[in-house]
Amino acid sequence: MPAARAFVFDLDGVVVDSNSLHVDSWREVAHRHGFPLADPDHIGKCGLRTLAVIRDLLRWPVSEAEARRIGLEKEEIYRDWIREGGIRAIPGAVEFIRQSRELGLLCAIGSSAPRANVDLCLQALGLEREFHATVSGEDVTRGKPAPDIFLAAAGALRVSPEDCVVFEDAPAGVAAAHAAGMRVVALATSHPPGELAGADRLATDFTGLDPRRFRNRKD
């Protein structure tokens, strides 16, 4: 893997251990509106934007306007719980990000999550000053697996896509990173390794990763 100038981190399942909170908030909003919720664990970690989950995965029989309103309600439930109880970081993530900054590597968030989720999660972990740029699902037209989020992150950092390494946890994110022309390290925090086989490298979490190796490797 050639040396990197910049790291782009997905948020959910990469920086924050948010799957259970997402699953529970989807269950809550489904219960409130009387909708079925098949395979909630997958929905919580699929890496898609909220509207895409409602319209394309759940296929709830609602108009686009109603889907947007329900999506906003779901995300507000999720944020309320974080405000009340905080949120955990993925093992090793905080240390890896701070060490990356100390080494002079540029760091960005590239997440399908709403802007308010990104800002709140980073604030909850004390990481709001550690990123040179943050790109949310609201900042681009197309969500993952389209490359838009990661290309926007590279643009915000003013680096070429080939100089970026993406850290992802979902197949849609791996596909988006490769579509952007970036290398990708997949963390098996949300999906089994077999579902992430397209990544350039696999890791359990950040505890076994050293940012110096990405900066220095030339092979």
C-alpha atoms as a PDB file:
ATOM      1  CA  MET A   1       0.000   0.000   0.000  1.00  0.00           C
ATOM      2  CA  PRO A   2       1.649   3.313  -1.054  1.00  0.00           C
ATOM      3  CA  ALA A   3       2.239   6.031   1.519  1.00  0.00           C
ATOM      4  CA  ALA A   4      -0.788   8.148   2.445  1.00  0.00           C
ATOM      5  CA  ARG A   5      -1.118  11.887   2.952  1.00  0.00           C
ATOM      6  CA  ALA A   6      -4.660  11.797   4.320  1.00  0.00           C
ATOM      7  CA  PHE A   7      -7.075   9.555   6.175  1.00  0.00           C
ATOM      8  CA  VAL A   8     -10.841   9.665   5.623  1.00  0.00           C
ATOM      9  CA  PHE A   9     -12.915   8.040   8.355  1.00  0.00           C
ATOM     10  CA  ASP A  10     -16.488   6.874   8.157  1.00  0.00           C
ATOM     11  CA  LEU A  11     -18.274   7.681  11.414  1.00  0.00           C
ATOM     12  CA  ASP A  12     -20.669   4.918  12.457  1.00  0.00           C
ATOM     13  CA  GLY A  13     -18.873   1.667  13.193  1.00  0.00           C
ATOM     14  CA  VAL A  14     -15.488   3.287  12.538  1.00  0.00           C
ATOM     15  CA  VAL A  15     -15.158   6.163  14.988  1.00  0.00           C
ATOM     16  CA  VAL A  16     -18.268   5.567  17.133  1.00  0.00           C
ATOM     17  CA  ASP A  17     -19.777   2.284  18.310  1.00  0.00           C
ATOM     18  CA  SER A  18     -23.282   3.348  17.350  1.00  0.00           C
ATOM     19  CA  ASN A  19     -24.957   0.255  15.904  1.00  0.00           C
ATOM     20  CA  SER A  20     -27.068  -0.601  18.954  1.00  0.00           C
ATOM     21  CA  LEU A  21     -28.265   3.010  19.297  1.00  0.00           C
ATOM     22  CA  HIS A  22     -29.238   3.103  15.618  1.00  0.00           C
ATOM     23  CA  VAL A  23     -31.062  -0.234  15.849  1.00  0.00           C
ATOM     24  CA  ASP A  24     -32.970   0.845  18.960  1.00  0.00           C
ATOM     25  CA  SER A  25     -33.921   4.218  17.458  1.00  0.00           C
ATOM     26  CA  TRP A  26     -35.182   2.487  14.294  1.00  0.00           C
ATOM     27  CA  ARG A  27     -37.231   0.140  16.499  1.00  0.00           C
ATOM     28  CA  GLU A  28     -38.670   3.092  18.402  1.00  0.00           C
ATOM     29  CA  VAL A  29     -39.717   5.057  15.322  1.00  0.00           C
ATOM     30  CA  ALA A  30     -41.154   1.928  13.666  1.00  0.00           C
ATOM     31  CA  HIS A  31     -43.200   1.233  16.817  1.00  0.00           C
ATOM     32  CA  ARG A  32     -44.479   4.810  16.951  1.00  0.00           C
ATOM     33  CA  HIS A  33     -45.745   4.649  13.373  1.00  0.00           C
ATOM     34  CA  GLY A  34     -46.863   1.003  13.305  1.00  0.00           C
ATOM     35  CA  PHE A  35     -44.420  -0.135  10.614  1.00  0.00           C
ATOM     36  CA  PRO A  36     -42.635  -3.497  10.430  1.00  0.00           C
ATOM     37  CA  LEU A  37     -38.871  -3.607  10.946  1.00  0.00           C
ATOM     38  CA  ALA A  38     -37.245  -6.644   9.350  1.00  0.00           C
ATOM     39  CA  ASP A  39     -33.566  -7.363  10.093  1.00  0.00           C
ATOM     40  CA  PRO A  40     -32.957  -4.287  12.268  1.00  0.00           C
ATOM     41  CA  ASP A  41     -29.318  -5.219  12.911  1.00  0.00           C
ATOM     42  CA  HIS A  42     -28.522  -4.905   9.194  1.00  0.00           C
ATOM     43  CA  ILE A  43     -30.390  -1.615   8.956  1.00  0.00           C
ATOM     44  CA  GLY A  44     -28.348  -0.201  11.815  1.00  0.00           C
ATOM     45  CA  LYS A  45     -25.022  -0.887  10.121  1.00  0.00           C
ATOM     46  CA  CYS A  46     -25.751  -0.710   6.387  1.00  0.00           C
ATOM     47  CA  GLY A  47     -23.996   2.629   5.849  1.00  0.00           C
ATOM     48  CA  LEU A  48     -26.857   4.190   3.871  1.00  0.00           C
ATOM     49  CA  ARG A  49     -28.521   7.543   4.411  1.00  0.00           C
ATOM     50  CA  THR A  50     -31.708   7.573   6.487  1.00  0.00           C
ATOM     51  CA  LEU A  51     -34.015   8.334   3.571  1.00  0.00           C
ATOM     52  CA  ALA A  52     -32.509   5.490   1.535  1.00  0.00           C
ATOM     53  CA  VAL A  53     -33.141   3.107   4.434  1.00  0.00           C
ATOM     54  CA  ILE A  54     -36.835   4.073   4.582  1.00  0.00           C
ATOM     55  CA  ARG A  55     -37.492   4.125   0.845  1.00  0.00           C
ATOM     56  CA  ASP A  56     -35.129   1.439  -0.511  1.00  0.00           C
ATOM     57  CA  LEU A  57     -34.562  -1.056   2.326  1.00  0.00           C
ATOM     58  CA  LEU A  58     -37.643  -0.873   4.529  1.00  0.00           C
ATOM     59  CA  ARG A  59     -39.958   0.181   1.695  1.00  0.00           C
ATOM     60  CA  TRP A  60     -42.408   1.712   4.133  1.00  0.00           C
ATOM     61  CA  PRO A  61     -45.558   2.861   2.258  1.00  0.00           C
ATOM     62  CA  VAL A  62     -45.085   6.596   2.750  1.00  0.00           C
ATOM     63  CA  SER A  63     -44.561   9.593   0.508  1.00  0.00           C
ATOM     64  CA  GLU A  64     -41.100  11.069   0.156  1.00  0.00           C
ATOM     65  CA  ALA A  65     -42.129  14.007   2.345  1.00  0.00           C
ATOM     66  CA  GLU A  66     -43.384  11.656   5.075  1.00  0.00           C
ATOM     67  CA  ALA A  67     -40.247   9.528   4.768  1.00  0.00           C
ATOM     68  CA  ARG A  68     -38.141  12.628   5.339  1.00  0.00           C
ATOM     69  CA  ARG A  69     -40.186  13.585   8.395  1.00  0.00           C
ATOM     70  CA  ILE A  70     -39.939  10.073   9.874  1.00  0.00           C
ATOM     71  CA  GLY A  71     -36.214  10.039   9.136  1.00  0.00           C
ATOM     72  CA  LEU A  72     -35.741  13.302  11.009  1.00  0.00           C
ATOM     73  CA  GLU A  73     -37.720  11.884  13.922  1.00  0.00           C
ATOM     74  CA  LYS A  74     -35.556   8.755  14.015  1.00  0.00           C
ATOM     75  CA  GLU A  75     -32.344  10.762  14.017  1.00  0.00           C
ATOM     76  CA  GLU A  76     -33.598  13.077  16.767  1.00  0.00           C
ATOM     77  CA  ILE A  77     -34.358  10.029  18.937  1.00  0.00           C
ATOM     78  CA  TYR A  78     -30.803   8.808  18.297  1.00  0.00           C
ATOM     79  CA  ARG A  79     -29.283  12.189  19.185  1.00  0.00           C
ATOM     80  CA  ASP A  80     -31.384  12.556  22.333  1.00  0.00           C
ATOM     81  CA  TRP A  81     -30.011   9.262  23.607  1.00  0.00           C
ATOM     82  CA  ILE A  82     -26.437  10.379  22.926  1.00  0.00           C
ATOM     83  CA  ARG A  83     -27.060  13.655  24.776  1.00  0.00           C
ATOM     84  CA  GLU A  84     -28.435  11.660  27.719  1.00  0.00           C
ATOM     85  CA  GLY A  85     -25.908   8.830  27.860  1.00  0.00           C
ATOM     86  CA  GLY A  86     -23.006   9.608  25.556  1.00  0.00           C
ATOM     87  CA  ILE A  87     -21.566   7.207  23.008  1.00  0.00           C
ATOM     88  CA  ARG A  88     -18.607   4.832  22.961  1.00  0.00           C
ATOM     89  CA  ALA A  89     -15.679   4.995  20.591  1.00  0.00           C
ATOM     90  CA  ILE A  90     -14.564   2.039  18.510  1.00  0.00           C
ATOM     91  CA  PRO A  91     -11.563   0.489  20.320  1.00  0.00           C
ATOM     92  CA  GLY A  92      -8.381   2.373  19.523  1.00  0.00           C
ATOM     93  CA  ALA A  93     -10.103   4.972  17.327  1.00  0.00           C
ATOM     94  CA  VAL A  94      -9.470   8.062  19.456  1.00  0.00           C
ATOM     95  CA  GLU A  95      -5.797   7.232  19.947  1.00  0.00           C
ATOM     96  CA  PHE A  96      -5.313   6.414  16.246  1.00  0.00           C
ATOM     97  CA  ILE A  97      -6.896   9.688  15.116  1.00  0.00           C
ATOM     98  CA  ARG A  98      -4.897  11.820  17.538  1.00  0.00           C
ATOM     99  CA  GLN A  99      -1.641  10.089  16.659  1.00  0.00           C
ATOM    100  CA  SER A 100      -2.394  10.585  12.965  1.00  0.00           C
ATOM    101  CA  ARG A 101      -2.758  14.320  13.527  1.00  0.00           C
ATOM    102  CA  GLU A 102       0.498  14.426  15.485  1.00  0.00           C
ATOM    103  CA  LEU A 103       2.258  12.751  12.555  1.00  0.00           C
ATOM    104  CA  GLY A 104       1.044  15.487  10.219  1.00  0.00           C
ATOM    105  CA  LEU A 105      -1.517  13.366   8.380  1.00  0.00           C
ATOM    106  CA  LEU A 106      -4.662  15.142   7.225  1.00  0.00           C
ATOM    107  CA  CYS A 107      -7.842  13.683   8.698  1.00  0.00           C
ATOM    108  CA  ALA A 108     -11.455  13.970   7.545  1.00  0.00           C
ATOM    109  CA  ILE A 109     -14.815  12.434   8.311  1.00  0.00           C
ATOM    110  CA  GLY A 110     -16.744  11.080   5.310  1.00  0.00           C
ATOM    111  CA  SER A 111     -20.073   9.828   6.607  1.00  0.00           C
ATOM    112  CA  SER A 112     -23.568   9.198   5.259  1.00  0.00           C
ATOM    113  CA  ALA A 113     -24.930  10.414   8.600  1.00  0.00           C
ATOM    114  CA  PRO A 114     -26.733  13.746   8.972  1.00  0.00           C
ATOM    115  CA  ARG A 115     -24.534  16.728   9.837  1.00  0.00           C
ATOM    116  CA  ALA A 116     -26.064  17.003  13.329  1.00  0.00           C
ATOM    117  CA  ASN A 117     -25.118  13.380  14.071  1.00  0.00           C
ATOM    118  CA  VAL A 118     -21.530  13.918  12.936  1.00  0.00           C
ATOM    119  CA  ASP A 119     -21.095  17.054  15.013  1.00  0.00           C
ATOM    120  CA  LEU A 120     -22.720  15.587  18.131  1.00  0.00           C
ATOM    121  CA  CYS A 121     -20.731  12.332  18.040  1.00  0.00           C
ATOM    122  CA  LEU A 122     -17.414  14.115  17.608  1.00  0.00           C
ATOM    123  CA  GLN A 123     -18.308  16.500  20.422  1.00  0.00           C
ATOM    124  CA  ALA A 124     -19.299  13.589  22.697  1.00  0.00           C
ATOM    125  CA  LEU A 125     -15.857  12.020  22.196  1.00  0.00           C
ATOM    126  CA  GLY A 126     -13.926  15.293  22.372  1.00  0.00           C
ATOM    127  CA  LEU A 127     -12.775  14.907  18.753  1.00  0.00           C
ATOM    128  CA  GLU A 128     -14.319  17.989  17.175  1.00  0.00           C
ATOM    129  CA  ARG A 129     -10.902  19.658  16.771  1.00  0.00           C
ATOM    130  CA  GLU A 130      -9.093  16.594  15.421  1.00  0.00           C
ATOM    131  CA  PHE A 131     -10.452  16.704  11.856  1.00  0.00           C
ATOM    132  CA  HIS A 132      -9.406  19.082   9.120  1.00  0.00           C
ATOM    133  CA  ALA A 133     -12.749  18.523   7.350  1.00  0.00           C
ATOM    134  CA  THR A 134     -16.066  16.746   7.886  1.00  0.00           C
ATOM    135  CA  VAL A 135     -18.414  15.687   5.093  1.00  0.00           C
ATOM    136  CA  SER A 136     -21.916  14.427   5.910  1.00  0.00           C
ATOM    137  CA  GLY A 137     -24.633  12.836   3.842  1.00  0.00           C
ATOM    138  CA  GLU A 138     -26.284  16.249   3.599  1.00  0.00           C
ATOM    139  CA  ASP A 139     -23.286  17.698   1.758  1.00  0.00           C
ATOM    140  CA  VAL A 140     -23.554  15.518  -1.353  1.00  0.00           C
ATOM    141  CA  THR A 141     -26.232  14.506  -3.828  1.00  0.00           C
ATOM    142  CA  ARG A 142     -25.574  10.774  -3.851  1.00  0.00           C
ATOM    143  CA  GLY A 143     -24.871   8.574  -0.855  1.00  0.00           C
ATOM    144  CA  LYS A 144     -22.652   5.501  -0.670  1.00  0.00           C
ATOM    145  CA  PRO A 145     -21.880   3.313  -2.631  1.00  0.00           C
ATOM    146  CA  ALA A 146     -21.470   6.353  -4.920  1.00  0.00           C
ATOM    147  CA  PRO A 147     -18.065   7.986  -4.370  1.00  0.00           C
ATOM    148  CA  ASP A 148     -19.366  11.520  -3.757  1.00  0.00           C
ATOM    149  CA  ILE A 149     -18.763  11.675   0.008  1.00  0.00           C
ATOM    150  CA  PHE A 150     -15.150  10.563  -0.242  1.00  0.00           C
ATOM    151  CA  LEU A 151     -14.392  12.749  -3.242  1.00  0.00           C
ATOM    152  CA  ALA A 152     -15.821  15.713  -1.342  1.00  0.00           C
ATOM    153  CA  ALA A 153     -13.604  14.869   1.625  1.00  0.00           C
ATOM    154  CA  ALA A 154     -10.495  14.748  -0.582  1.00  0.00           C
ATOM    155  CA  GLY A 155     -11.507  18.062  -2.113  1.00  0.00           C
ATOM    156  CA  ALA A 156     -11.951  19.642   1.305  1.00  0.00           C
ATOM    157  CA  LEU A 157      -8.487  18.421   2.306  1.00  0.00           C
ATOM    158  CA  ARG A 158      -7.040  19.560  -1.044  1.00  0.00           C
ATOM    159  CA  VAL A 159      -5.420  16.204  -1.743  1.00  0.00           C
ATOM    160  CA  SER A 160      -5.742  13.747  -4.611  1.00  0.00           C
ATOM    161  CA  PRO A 161      -7.956  10.682  -4.075  1.00  0.00           C
ATOM    162  CA  GLU A 162      -4.974   8.380  -4.613  1.00  0.00           C
ATOM    163  CA  ASP A 163      -3.269  10.003  -1.610  1.00  0.00           C
ATOM    164  CA  CYS A 164      -6.159   9.026   0.703  1.00  0.00           C
ATOM    165  CA  VAL A 165      -6.780   5.931   2.779  1.00  0.00           C
ATOM    166  CA  VAL A 166     -10.393   5.366   3.829  1.00  0.00           C
ATOM    167  CA  PHE A 167     -11.433   3.549   7.004  1.00  0.00           C
ATOM    168  CA  GLU A 168     -14.809   1.862   6.595  1.00  0.00           C
ATOM    169  CA  ASP A 169     -16.963  -0.830   8.178  1.00  0.00           C
ATOM    170  CA  ALA A 170     -19.647  -1.482   5.521  1.00  0.00           C
ATOM    171  CA  PRO A 171     -19.617  -3.010   2.026  1.00  0.00           C
ATOM    172  CA  ALA A 172     -21.280   0.111   0.614  1.00  0.00           C
ATOM    173  CA  GLY A 173     -18.474   2.217   2.041  1.00  0.00           C
ATOM    174  CA  VAL A 174     -15.769  -0.068   0.662  1.00  0.00           C
ATOM    175  CA  ALA A 175     -17.365   0.192  -2.773  1.00  0.00           C
ATOM    176  CA  ALA A 176     -17.631   3.988  -2.460  1.00  0.00           C
ATOM    177  CA  ALA A 177     -13.955   4.313  -1.518  1.00  0.00           C
ATOM    178  CA  HIS A 178     -12.807   2.244  -4.469  1.00  0.00           C
ATOM    179  CA  ALA A 179     -15.144   4.134  -6.797  1.00  0.00           C
ATOM    180  CA  ALA A 180     -13.412   7.309  -5.582  1.00  0.00           C
ATOM    181  CA  GLY A 181     -10.011   5.851  -6.469  1.00  0.00           C
ATOM    182  CA  MET A 182      -8.973   5.475  -2.827  1.00  0.00           C
ATOM    183  CA  ARG A 183      -7.506   2.599  -0.882  1.00  0.00           C
ATOM    184  CA  VAL A 184      -9.642   1.292   1.954  1.00  0.00           C
ATOM    185  CA  VAL A 185      -9.061  -0.426   5.281  1.00  0.00           C
ATOM    186  CA  ALA A 186     -12.172  -2.280   6.422  1.00  0.00           C
ATOM    187  CA  LEU A 187     -12.858  -2.764  10.121  1.00  0.00           C
ATOM    188  CA  ALA A 188     -14.825  -5.883  11.043  1.00  0.00           C
ATOM    189  CA  THR A 189     -16.794  -3.961  13.671  1.00  0.00           C
ATOM    190  CA  SER A 190     -20.178  -4.263  11.975  1.00  0.00           C
ATOM    191  CA  HIS A 191     -19.856  -6.899   9.235  1.00  0.00           C
ATOM    192  CA  PRO A 192     -17.976 -10.220   9.088  1.00  0.00           C
ATOM    193  CA  PRO A 193     -14.682 -10.195   7.162  1.00  0.00           C
ATOM    194  CA  GLY A 194     -16.210 -12.173   4.294  1.00  0.00           C
ATOM    195  CA  GLU A 195     -18.544  -9.267   3.503  1.00  0.00           C
ATOM    196  CA  LEU A 196     -15.575  -6.869   3.415  1.00  0.00           C
ATOM    197  CA  ALA A 197     -13.321  -8.931   1.186  1.00  0.00           C
ATOM    198  CA  GLY A 198     -13.083  -6.170  -1.407  1.00  0.00           C
ATOM    199  CA  ALA A 199     -11.061  -3.958   0.945  1.00  0.00           C
ATOM    200  CA  ASP A 200      -7.323  -3.488   0.528  1.00  0.00           C
ATOM    201  CA  ARG A 201      -6.786  -4.459   4.151  1.00  0.00           C
ATOM    202  CA  LEU A 202      -8.893  -5.908   6.957  1.00  0.00           C
ATOM    203  CA  ALA A 203      -8.604  -5.188  10.679  1.00  0.00           C
ATOM    204  CA  THR A 204     -10.649  -6.046  13.749  1.00  0.00           C
ATOM    205  CA  ASP A 205     -10.518  -2.439  14.997  1.00  0.00           C
ATOM    206  CA  PHE A 206      -7.850   0.253  15.438  1.00  0.00           C
ATOM    207  CA  THR A 207      -5.973  -1.434  18.274  1.00  0.00           C
ATOM    208  CA  GLY A 208      -3.724  -3.325  15.866  1.00  0.00           C
ATOM    209  CA  LEU A 209      -3.155  -0.411  13.458  1.00  0.00           C
ATOM    210  CA  ASP A 210      -0.302   2.089  13.509  1.00  0.00           C
ATOM    211  CA  PRO A 211      -0.711   5.272  11.421  1.00  0.00           C
ATOM    212  CA  ARG A 212       3.050   5.480  10.926  1.00  0.00           C
ATOM    213  CA  ARG A 213       2.951   2.382   8.760  1.00  0.00           C
ATOM    214  CA  PHE A 214       0.505   3.993   6.339  1.00  0.00           C
ATOM    215  CA  ARG A 215       2.567   7.147   6.168  1.00  0.00           C
ATOM    216  CA  ASN A 216       5.895   5.387   5.668  1.00  0.00           C
ATOM    217  CA  ARG A 217       5.115   2.365   3.529  1.00  0.00           C
ATOM    218  CA  LYS A 218       6.188   2.636  -0.086  1.00  0.00           C
ATOM    219  CA  ASP A 219       5.357  -0.837  -1.400  1.00  0.00           C
END
